[in-house]
Amino acid sequence: MSAVDPKSFNTPESDIFGPHNIDNVARAVLTLTREVAVLSDRVMVLEELLEQNGVVLREAIDTYQPSDQFQARADKALQVIAGNVIAALQGADGGN
């Protein structure tokens, strides 16, 4: 039986996380934080306005099943965000 530390998979060996790239890692974290903060705020405002105006209840949002077309748009948006984070990790500005 081998003695593999199960936590060793949580920190893969990668040059991206080396001390010389700490600025890029910080930039990536800030990029993610900015994206999450903006999106969270917008979602909360939209949910509140929709419910106040009787358009949709939050429960309907929670149980929504996306169409293939909607899912494709959502996947594309996720790729843009992921690309920006990867660019930040590599020391570039994603620009989106």
PDB file of N, CA and C in Angstrom:
ATOM      1  N   MET A   1       0.842  -1.167   0.000  1.00  0.00           N
ATOM      2  CA  MET A   1       0.000   0.000   0.000  1.00  0.00           C
ATOM      3  C   MET A   1       0.895   1.242   0.000  1.00  0.00           C
ATOM      4  N   SER A   2       0.603   2.212  -0.885  1.00  0.00           N
ATOM      5  CA  SER A   2       1.428   3.412  -0.928  1.00  0.00           C
ATOM      6  C   SER A   2       0.871   4.461   0.034  1.00  0.00           C
ATOM      7  N   ALA A   3       1.753   5.281   0.516  1.00  0.00           N
ATOM      8  CA  ALA A   3       1.366   6.318   1.470  1.00  0.00           C
ATOM      9  C   ALA A   3       1.256   7.655   0.749  1.00  0.00           C
ATOM     10  N   VAL A   4       0.257   7.785  -0.104  1.00  0.00           N
ATOM     11  CA  VAL A   4       0.030   9.029  -0.835  1.00  0.00           C
ATOM     12  C   VAL A   4      -0.820   9.952   0.023  1.00  0.00           C
ATOM     13  N   ASP A   5      -0.329  11.150   0.203  1.00  0.00           N
ATOM     14  CA  ASP A   5      -1.071  12.151   0.977  1.00  0.00           C
ATOM     15  C   ASP A   5      -2.248  12.637   0.128  1.00  0.00           C
ATOM     16  N   PRO A   6      -3.491  12.409   0.570  1.00  0.00           N
ATOM     17  CA  PRO A   6      -4.649  12.809  -0.241  1.00  0.00           C
ATOM     18  C   PRO A   6      -4.727  14.318  -0.458  1.00  0.00           C
ATOM     19  N   LYS A   7      -4.094  15.088   0.404  1.00  0.00           N
ATOM     20  CA  LYS A   7      -4.108  16.541   0.236  1.00  0.00           C
ATOM     21  C   LYS A   7      -3.104  17.014  -0.810  1.00  0.00           C
ATOM     22  N   SER A   8      -2.219  16.139  -1.238  1.00  0.00           N
ATOM     23  CA  SER A   8      -1.205  16.544  -2.206  1.00  0.00           C
ATOM     24  C   SER A   8      -1.819  16.940  -3.546  1.00  0.00           C
ATOM     25  N   PHE A   9      -3.019  16.472  -3.821  1.00  0.00           N
ATOM     26  CA  PHE A   9      -3.676  16.811  -5.076  1.00  0.00           C
ATOM     27  C   PHE A   9      -4.248  18.225  -5.052  1.00  0.00           C
ATOM     28  N   ASN A  10      -4.365  18.830  -3.869  1.00  0.00           N
ATOM     29  CA  ASN A  10      -4.913  20.174  -3.749  1.00  0.00           C
ATOM     30  C   ASN A  10      -3.933  21.253  -4.178  1.00  0.00           C
ATOM     31  N   THR A  11      -2.667  20.921  -4.218  1.00  0.00           N
ATOM     32  CA  THR A  11      -1.654  21.897  -4.609  1.00  0.00           C
ATOM     33  C   THR A  11      -0.756  21.297  -5.684  1.00  0.00           C
ATOM     34  N   PRO A  12      -1.245  21.278  -6.916  1.00  0.00           N
ATOM     35  CA  PRO A  12      -0.443  20.684  -7.984  1.00  0.00           C
ATOM     36  C   PRO A  12       0.839  21.472  -8.219  1.00  0.00           C
ATOM     37  N   GLU A  13       1.878  20.749  -8.606  1.00  0.00           N
ATOM     38  CA  GLU A  13       3.141  21.409  -8.914  1.00  0.00           C
ATOM     39  C   GLU A  13       2.950  22.201 -10.199  1.00  0.00           C
ATOM     40  N   SER A  14       3.194  23.497 -10.107  1.00  0.00           N
ATOM     41  CA  SER A  14       3.015  24.364 -11.254  1.00  0.00           C
ATOM     42  C   SER A  14       3.845  25.611 -11.067  1.00  0.00           C
ATOM     43  N   ASP A  15       4.441  26.069 -12.131  1.00  0.00           N
ATOM     44  CA  ASP A  15       5.234  27.289 -12.087  1.00  0.00           C
ATOM     45  C   ASP A  15       4.344  28.518 -11.875  1.00  0.00           C
ATOM     46  N   ILE A  16       3.073  28.411 -12.210  1.00  0.00           N
ATOM     47  CA  ILE A  16       2.144  29.541 -12.064  1.00  0.00           C
ATOM     48  C   ILE A  16       2.095  30.022 -10.613  1.00  0.00           C
ATOM     49  N   PHE A  17       2.207  29.115  -9.659  1.00  0.00           N
ATOM     50  CA  PHE A  17       2.072  29.471  -8.259  1.00  0.00           C
ATOM     51  C   PHE A  17       3.406  29.723  -7.562  1.00  0.00           C
ATOM     52  N   GLY A  18       4.465  29.843  -8.330  1.00  0.00           N
ATOM     53  CA  GLY A  18       5.777  30.104  -7.737  1.00  0.00           C
ATOM     54  C   GLY A  18       5.876  31.511  -7.179  1.00  0.00           C
ATOM     55  N   PRO A  19       6.835  31.742  -6.291  1.00  0.00           N
ATOM     56  CA  PRO A  19       6.988  33.060  -5.649  1.00  0.00           C
ATOM     57  C   PRO A  19       7.176  34.198  -6.652  1.00  0.00           C
ATOM     58  N   HIS A  20       7.819  33.909  -7.788  1.00  0.00           N
ATOM     59  CA  HIS A  20       8.048  34.949  -8.785  1.00  0.00           C
ATOM     60  C   HIS A  20       6.771  35.341  -9.522  1.00  0.00           C
ATOM     61  N   ASN A  21       5.704  34.586  -9.354  1.00  0.00           N
ATOM     62  CA  ASN A  21       4.430  34.896 -10.010  1.00  0.00           C
ATOM     63  C   ASN A  21       3.369  35.374  -9.035  1.00  0.00           C
ATOM     64  N   ILE A  22       3.759  35.742  -7.828  1.00  0.00           N
ATOM     65  CA  ILE A  22       2.773  36.119  -6.816  1.00  0.00           C
ATOM     66  C   ILE A  22       1.935  37.318  -7.263  1.00  0.00           C
ATOM     67  N   ASP A  23       2.523  38.256  -7.992  1.00  0.00           N
ATOM     68  CA  ASP A  23       1.746  39.402  -8.479  1.00  0.00           C
ATOM     69  C   ASP A  23       0.658  38.951  -9.445  1.00  0.00           C
ATOM     70  N   ASN A  24       0.983  37.983 -10.290  1.00  0.00           N
ATOM     71  CA  ASN A  24      -0.006  37.473 -11.241  1.00  0.00           C
ATOM     72  C   ASN A  24      -1.126  36.726 -10.529  1.00  0.00           C
ATOM     73  N   VAL A  25      -0.765  35.962  -9.506  1.00  0.00           N
ATOM     74  CA  VAL A  25      -1.778  35.241  -8.727  1.00  0.00           C
ATOM     75  C   VAL A  25      -2.692  36.249  -8.033  1.00  0.00           C
ATOM     76  N   ALA A  26      -2.105  37.280  -7.450  1.00  0.00           N
ATOM     77  CA  ALA A  26      -2.913  38.311  -6.787  1.00  0.00           C
ATOM     78  C   ALA A  26      -3.831  39.000  -7.790  1.00  0.00           C
ATOM     79  N   ARG A  27      -3.324  39.289  -8.974  1.00  0.00           N
ATOM     80  CA  ARG A  27      -4.134  39.918 -10.032  1.00  0.00           C
ATOM     81  C   ARG A  27      -5.299  39.012 -10.414  1.00  0.00           C
ATOM     82  N   ALA A  28      -5.049  37.716 -10.487  1.00  0.00           N
ATOM     83  CA  ALA A  28      -6.113  36.767 -10.829  1.00  0.00           C
ATOM     84  C   ALA A  28      -7.180  36.736  -9.742  1.00  0.00           C
ATOM     85  N   VAL A  29      -6.740  36.735  -8.482  1.00  0.00           N
ATOM     86  CA  VAL A  29      -7.696  36.725  -7.366  1.00  0.00           C
ATOM     87  C   VAL A  29      -8.530  38.004  -7.387  1.00  0.00           C
ATOM     88  N   LEU A  30      -7.895  39.137  -7.628  1.00  0.00           N
ATOM     89  CA  LEU A  30      -8.637  40.396  -7.699  1.00  0.00           C
ATOM     90  C   LEU A  30      -9.596  40.423  -8.882  1.00  0.00           C
ATOM     91  N   THR A  31      -9.194  39.849  -9.998  1.00  0.00           N
ATOM     92  CA  THR A  31     -10.070  39.765 -11.165  1.00  0.00           C
ATOM     93  C   THR A  31     -11.302  38.943 -10.839  1.00  0.00           C
ATOM     94  N   LEU A  32     -11.096  37.803 -10.205  1.00  0.00           N
ATOM     95  CA  LEU A  32     -12.227  36.960  -9.802  1.00  0.00           C
ATOM     96  C   LEU A  32     -13.118  37.660  -8.789  1.00  0.00           C
ATOM     97  N   THR A  33     -12.512  38.304  -7.823  1.00  0.00           N
ATOM     98  CA  THR A  33     -13.279  38.999  -6.796  1.00  0.00           C
ATOM     99  C   THR A  33     -14.127  40.107  -7.405  1.00  0.00           C
ATOM    100  N   ARG A  34     -13.553  40.850  -8.310  1.00  0.00           N
ATOM    101  CA  ARG A  34     -14.289  41.927  -8.989  1.00  0.00           C
ATOM    102  C   ARG A  34     -15.468  41.353  -9.776  1.00  0.00           C
ATOM    103  N   GLU A  35     -15.232  40.290 -10.520  1.00  0.00           N
ATOM    104  CA  GLU A  35     -16.301  39.656 -11.299  1.00  0.00           C
ATOM    105  C   GLU A  35     -17.427  39.157 -10.393  1.00  0.00           C
ATOM    106  N   VAL A  36     -17.065  38.479  -9.318  1.00  0.00           N
ATOM    107  CA  VAL A  36     -18.062  37.927  -8.403  1.00  0.00           C
ATOM    108  C   VAL A  36     -18.857  39.047  -7.739  1.00  0.00           C
ATOM    109  N   ALA A  37     -18.182  40.105  -7.311  1.00  0.00           N
ATOM    110  CA  ALA A  37     -18.873  41.211  -6.641  1.00  0.00           C
ATOM    111  C   ALA A  37     -19.873  41.888  -7.572  1.00  0.00           C
ATOM    112  N   VAL A  38     -19.456  42.167  -8.788  1.00  0.00           N
ATOM    113  CA  VAL A  38     -20.346  42.820  -9.755  1.00  0.00           C
ATOM    114  C   VAL A  38     -21.523  41.915 -10.093  1.00  0.00           C
ATOM    115  N   LEU A  39     -21.250  40.672 -10.367  1.00  0.00           N
ATOM    116  CA  LEU A  39     -22.324  39.744 -10.730  1.00  0.00           C
ATOM    117  C   LEU A  39     -23.283  39.508  -9.569  1.00  0.00           C
ATOM    118  N   SER A  40     -22.761  39.362  -8.380  1.00  0.00           N
ATOM    119  CA  SER A  40     -23.618  39.151  -7.208  1.00  0.00           C
ATOM    120  C   SER A  40     -24.545  40.340  -7.000  1.00  0.00           C
ATOM    121  N   ASP A  41     -24.004  41.535  -7.116  1.00  0.00           N
ATOM    122  CA  ASP A  41     -24.807  42.740  -6.945  1.00  0.00           C
ATOM    123  C   ASP A  41     -25.903  42.818  -8.003  1.00  0.00           C
ATOM    124  N   ARG A  42     -25.550  42.580  -9.236  1.00  0.00           N
ATOM    125  CA  ARG A  42     -26.530  42.657 -10.328  1.00  0.00           C
ATOM    126  C   ARG A  42     -27.623  41.600 -10.174  1.00  0.00           C
ATOM    127  N   VAL A  43     -27.247  40.409  -9.781  1.00  0.00           N
ATOM    128  CA  VAL A  43     -28.234  39.343  -9.598  1.00  0.00           C
ATOM    129  C   VAL A  43     -29.193  39.702  -8.468  1.00  0.00           C
ATOM    130  N   MET A  44     -28.666  40.207  -7.372  1.00  0.00           N
ATOM    131  CA  MET A  44     -29.534  40.583  -6.250  1.00  0.00           C
ATOM    132  C   MET A  44     -30.506  41.690  -6.657  1.00  0.00           C
ATOM    133  N   VAL A  45     -30.026  42.691  -7.389  1.00  0.00           N
ATOM    134  CA  VAL A  45     -30.887  43.783  -7.852  1.00  0.00           C
ATOM    135  C   VAL A  45     -31.949  43.249  -8.803  1.00  0.00           C
ATOM    136  N   LEU A  46     -31.554  42.432  -9.746  1.00  0.00           N
ATOM    137  CA  LEU A  46     -32.522  41.874 -10.699  1.00  0.00           C
ATOM    138  C   LEU A  46     -33.580  41.022 -10.015  1.00  0.00           C
ATOM    139  N   GLU A  47     -33.163  40.167  -9.101  1.00  0.00           N
ATOM    140  CA  GLU A  47     -34.121  39.334  -8.379  1.00  0.00           C
ATOM    141  C   GLU A  47     -35.109  40.200  -7.607  1.00  0.00           C
ATOM    142  N   GLU A  48     -34.603  41.226  -6.954  1.00  0.00           N
ATOM    143  CA  GLU A  48     -35.465  42.111  -6.166  1.00  0.00           C
ATOM    144  C   GLU A  48     -36.456  42.841  -7.066  1.00  0.00           C
ATOM    145  N   LEU A  49     -35.972  43.413  -8.170  1.00  0.00           N
ATOM    146  CA  LEU A  49     -36.854  44.141  -9.076  1.00  0.00           C
ATOM    147  C   LEU A  49     -37.893  43.232  -9.724  1.00  0.00           C
ATOM    148  N   LEU A  50     -37.475  42.064 -10.123  1.00  0.00           N
ATOM    149  CA  LEU A  50     -38.407  41.128 -10.743  1.00  0.00           C
ATOM    150  C   LEU A  50     -39.505  40.716  -9.767  1.00  0.00           C
ATOM    151  N   GLU A  51     -39.103  40.451  -8.536  1.00  0.00           N
ATOM    152  CA  GLU A  51     -40.099  40.040  -7.551  1.00  0.00           C
ATOM    153  C   GLU A  51     -41.006  41.215  -7.168  1.00  0.00           C
ATOM    154  N   GLN A  52     -40.438  42.411  -6.984  1.00  0.00           N
ATOM    155  CA  GLN A  52     -41.238  43.588  -6.637  1.00  0.00           C
ATOM    156  C   GLN A  52     -42.282  43.896  -7.707  1.00  0.00           C
ATOM    157  N   ASN A  53     -41.929  43.655  -8.956  1.00  0.00           N
ATOM    158  CA  ASN A  53     -42.835  43.959 -10.058  1.00  0.00           C
ATOM    159  C   ASN A  53     -43.705  42.775 -10.453  1.00  0.00           C
ATOM    160  N   GLY A  54     -43.653  41.716  -9.676  1.00  0.00           N
ATOM    161  CA  GLY A  54     -44.495  40.559  -9.922  1.00  0.00           C
ATOM    162  C   GLY A  54     -44.165  39.801 -11.196  1.00  0.00           C
ATOM    163  N   VAL A  55     -42.957  39.973 -11.680  1.00  0.00           N
ATOM    164  CA  VAL A  55     -42.555  39.315 -12.922  1.00  0.00           C
ATOM    165  C   VAL A  55     -42.199  37.857 -12.673  1.00  0.00           C
ATOM    166  N   VAL A  56     -41.434  37.627 -11.627  1.00  0.00           N
ATOM    167  CA  VAL A  56     -40.993  36.269 -11.315  1.00  0.00           C
ATOM    168  C   VAL A  56     -40.635  36.188  -9.833  1.00  0.00           C
ATOM    169  N   LEU A  57     -40.875  35.051  -9.259  1.00  0.00           N
ATOM    170  CA  LEU A  57     -40.490  34.823  -7.868  1.00  0.00           C
ATOM    171  C   LEU A  57     -39.089  34.234  -7.825  1.00  0.00           C
ATOM    172  N   ARG A  58     -38.378  34.487  -6.756  1.00  0.00           N
ATOM    173  CA  ARG A  58     -37.021  33.946  -6.612  1.00  0.00           C
ATOM    174  C   ARG A  58     -37.010  32.422  -6.744  1.00  0.00           C
ATOM    175  N   GLU A  59     -38.074  31.792  -6.294  1.00  0.00           N
ATOM    176  CA  GLU A  59     -38.161  30.332  -6.401  1.00  0.00           C
ATOM    177  C   GLU A  59     -38.085  29.886  -7.865  1.00  0.00           C
ATOM    178  N   ALA A  60     -38.704  30.644  -8.760  1.00  0.00           N
ATOM    179  CA  ALA A  60     -38.652  30.308 -10.183  1.00  0.00           C
ATOM    180  C   ALA A  60     -37.224  30.410 -10.712  1.00  0.00           C
ATOM    181  N   ILE A  61     -36.481  31.366 -10.191  1.00  0.00           N
ATOM    182  CA  ILE A  61     -35.081  31.515 -10.598  1.00  0.00           C
ATOM    183  C   ILE A  61     -34.265  30.328 -10.094  1.00  0.00           C
ATOM    184  N   ASP A  62     -34.510  29.947  -8.848  1.00  0.00           N
ATOM    185  CA  ASP A  62     -33.770  28.834  -8.245  1.00  0.00           C
ATOM    186  C   ASP A  62     -34.015  27.513  -8.955  1.00  0.00           C
ATOM    187  N   THR A  63     -35.200  27.340  -9.550  1.00  0.00           N
ATOM    188  CA  THR A  63     -35.552  26.059 -10.179  1.00  0.00           C
ATOM    189  C   THR A  63     -35.502  26.115 -11.704  1.00  0.00           C
ATOM    190  N   TYR A  64     -34.958  27.190 -12.259  1.00  0.00           N
ATOM    191  CA  TYR A  64     -34.896  27.381 -13.716  1.00  0.00           C
ATOM    192  C   TYR A  64     -34.056  26.299 -14.387  1.00  0.00           C
ATOM    193  N   GLN A  65     -34.568  25.768 -15.492  1.00  0.00           N
ATOM    194  CA  GLN A  65     -33.838  24.790 -16.304  1.00  0.00           C
ATOM    195  C   GLN A  65     -33.519  25.447 -17.653  1.00  0.00           C
ATOM    196  N   PRO A  66     -32.261  25.725 -17.940  1.00  0.00           N
ATOM    197  CA  PRO A  66     -31.901  26.468 -19.156  1.00  0.00           C
ATOM    198  C   PRO A  66     -32.114  25.662 -20.431  1.00  0.00           C
ATOM    199  N   SER A  67     -32.468  26.397 -21.499  1.00  0.00           N
ATOM    200  CA  SER A  67     -32.554  25.789 -22.822  1.00  0.00           C
ATOM    201  C   SER A  67     -31.133  25.590 -23.348  1.00  0.00           C
ATOM    202  N   ASP A  68     -31.001  24.858 -24.423  1.00  0.00           N
ATOM    203  CA  ASP A  68     -29.674  24.644 -25.021  1.00  0.00           C
ATOM    204  C   ASP A  68     -29.069  25.975 -25.470  1.00  0.00           C
ATOM    205  N   GLN A  69     -29.899  26.852 -26.043  1.00  0.00           N
ATOM    206  CA  GLN A  69     -29.410  28.154 -26.521  1.00  0.00           C
ATOM    207  C   GLN A  69     -28.910  29.006 -25.349  1.00  0.00           C
ATOM    208  N   PHE A  70     -29.685  29.049 -24.285  1.00  0.00           N
ATOM    209  CA  PHE A  70     -29.272  29.811 -23.103  1.00  0.00           C
ATOM    210  C   PHE A  70     -27.989  29.217 -22.523  1.00  0.00           C
ATOM    211  N   GLN A  71     -27.917  27.907 -22.434  1.00  0.00           N
ATOM    212  CA  GLN A  71     -26.736  27.260 -21.861  1.00  0.00           C
ATOM    213  C   GLN A  71     -25.500  27.568 -22.692  1.00  0.00           C
ATOM    214  N   ALA A  72     -25.652  27.634 -24.013  1.00  0.00           N
ATOM    215  CA  ALA A  72     -24.519  27.972 -24.877  1.00  0.00           C
ATOM    216  C   ALA A  72     -24.027  29.391 -24.583  1.00  0.00           C
ATOM    217  N   ARG A  73     -24.948  30.333 -24.391  1.00  0.00           N
ATOM    218  CA  ARG A  73     -24.562  31.707 -24.045  1.00  0.00           C
ATOM    219  C   ARG A  73     -23.862  31.747 -22.684  1.00  0.00           C
ATOM    220  N   ALA A  74     -24.395  30.998 -21.737  1.00  0.00           N
ATOM    221  CA  ALA A  74     -23.797  30.956 -20.399  1.00  0.00           C
ATOM    222  C   ALA A  74     -22.396  30.344 -20.451  1.00  0.00           C
ATOM    223  N   ASP A  75     -22.239  29.294 -21.238  1.00  0.00           N
ATOM    224  CA  ASP A  75     -20.928  28.652 -21.380  1.00  0.00           C
ATOM    225  C   ASP A  75     -19.918  29.611 -21.995  1.00  0.00           C
ATOM    226  N   LYS A  76     -20.352  30.386 -22.995  1.00  0.00           N
ATOM    227  CA  LYS A  76     -19.463  31.356 -23.648  1.00  0.00           C
ATOM    228  C   LYS A  76     -19.026  32.429 -22.649  1.00  0.00           C
ATOM    229  N   ALA A  77     -19.965  32.913 -21.838  1.00  0.00           N
ATOM    230  CA  ALA A  77     -19.637  33.918 -20.825  1.00  0.00           C
ATOM    231  C   ALA A  77     -18.630  33.358 -19.820  1.00  0.00           C
ATOM    232  N   LEU A  78     -18.815  32.110 -19.425  1.00  0.00           N
ATOM    233  CA  LEU A  78     -17.888  31.478 -18.497  1.00  0.00           C
ATOM    234  C   LEU A  78     -16.495  31.374 -19.112  1.00  0.00           C
ATOM    235  N   GLN A  79     -16.416  31.078 -20.399  1.00  0.00           N
ATOM    236  CA  GLN A  79     -15.121  30.981 -21.073  1.00  0.00           C
ATOM    237  C   GLN A  79     -14.396  32.325 -21.064  1.00  0.00           C
ATOM    238  N   VAL A  80     -15.144  33.426 -21.235  1.00  0.00           N
ATOM    239  CA  VAL A  80     -14.537  34.761 -21.201  1.00  0.00           C
ATOM    240  C   VAL A  80     -13.962  35.038 -19.817  1.00  0.00           C
ATOM    241  N   ILE A  81     -14.742  34.746 -18.788  1.00  0.00           N
ATOM    242  CA  ILE A  81     -14.271  34.981 -17.418  1.00  0.00           C
ATOM    243  C   ILE A  81     -13.049  34.116 -17.122  1.00  0.00           C
ATOM    244  N   ALA A  82     -13.125  32.848 -17.471  1.00  0.00           N
ATOM    245  CA  ALA A  82     -11.990  31.946 -17.234  1.00  0.00           C
ATOM    246  C   ALA A  82     -10.760  32.421 -18.011  1.00  0.00           C
ATOM    247  N   GLY A  83     -10.962  32.887 -19.220  1.00  0.00           N
ATOM    248  CA  GLY A  83      -9.851  33.406 -20.020  1.00  0.00           C
ATOM    249  C   GLY A  83      -9.194  34.608 -19.373  1.00  0.00           C
ATOM    250  N   ASN A  84     -10.010  35.485 -18.784  1.00  0.00           N
ATOM    251  CA  ASN A  84      -9.463  36.651 -18.085  1.00  0.00           C
ATOM    252  C   ASN A  84      -8.638  36.234 -16.875  1.00  0.00           C
ATOM    253  N   VAL A  85      -9.120  35.246 -16.153  1.00  0.00           N
ATOM    254  CA  VAL A  85      -8.382  34.767 -14.975  1.00  0.00           C
ATOM    255  C   VAL A  85      -7.066  34.123 -15.408  1.00  0.00           C
ATOM    256  N   ILE A  86      -7.112  33.310 -16.431  1.00  0.00           N
ATOM    257  CA  ILE A  86      -5.899  32.659 -16.928  1.00  0.00           C
ATOM    258  C   ILE A  86      -4.907  33.700 -17.427  1.00  0.00           C
ATOM    259  N   ALA A  87      -5.401  34.716 -18.133  1.00  0.00           N
ATOM    260  CA  ALA A  87      -4.520  35.785 -18.610  1.00  0.00           C
ATOM    261  C   ALA A  87      -3.852  36.492 -17.436  1.00  0.00           C
ATOM    262  N   ALA A  88      -4.625  36.752 -16.387  1.00  0.00           N
ATOM    263  CA  ALA A  88      -4.048  37.404 -15.203  1.00  0.00           C
ATOM    264  C   ALA A  88      -2.980  36.529 -14.561  1.00  0.00           C
ATOM    265  N   LEU A  89      -3.222  35.231 -14.505  1.00  0.00           N
ATOM    266  CA  LEU A  89      -2.221  34.316 -13.946  1.00  0.00           C
ATOM    267  C   LEU A  89      -0.944  34.314 -14.771  1.00  0.00           C
ATOM    268  N   GLN A  90      -1.075  34.600 -16.057  1.00  0.00           N
ATOM    269  CA  GLN A  90       0.087  34.598 -16.940  1.00  0.00           C
ATOM    270  C   GLN A  90       0.725  35.971 -17.063  1.00  0.00           C
ATOM    271  N   GLY A  91       0.187  36.941 -16.312  1.00  0.00           N
ATOM    272  CA  GLY A  91       0.794  38.266 -16.300  1.00  0.00           C
ATOM    273  C   GLY A  91       0.264  39.204 -17.349  1.00  0.00           C
ATOM    274  N   ALA A  92      -0.826  38.853 -18.002  1.00  0.00           N
ATOM    275  CA  ALA A  92      -1.418  39.710 -19.033  1.00  0.00           C
ATOM    276  C   ALA A  92      -2.782  40.190 -18.567  1.00  0.00           C
ATOM    277  N   ASP A  93      -3.264  41.207 -19.215  1.00  0.00           N
ATOM    278  CA  ASP A  93      -4.614  41.702 -18.942  1.00  0.00           C
ATOM    279  C   ASP A  93      -5.545  41.030 -19.928  1.00  0.00           C
ATOM    280  N   GLY A  94      -6.579  40.338 -19.402  1.00  0.00           N
ATOM    281  CA  GLY A  94      -7.530  39.648 -20.263  1.00  0.00           C
ATOM    282  C   GLY A  94      -8.281  40.585 -21.186  1.00  0.00           C
ATOM    283  N   GLY A  95      -8.450  41.823 -20.756  1.00  0.00           N
ATOM    284  CA  GLY A  95      -9.061  42.824 -21.609  1.00  0.00           C
ATOM    285  C   GLY A  95     -10.562  42.743 -21.751  1.00  0.00           C
ATOM    286  N   ASN A  96     -11.223  41.825 -21.041  1.00  0.00           N
ATOM    287  CA  ASN A  96     -12.682  41.730 -21.186  1.00  0.00           C
ATOM    288  C   ASN A  96     -13.370  42.146 -19.928  1.00  0.00           C
TER     289      ASN A  96
END
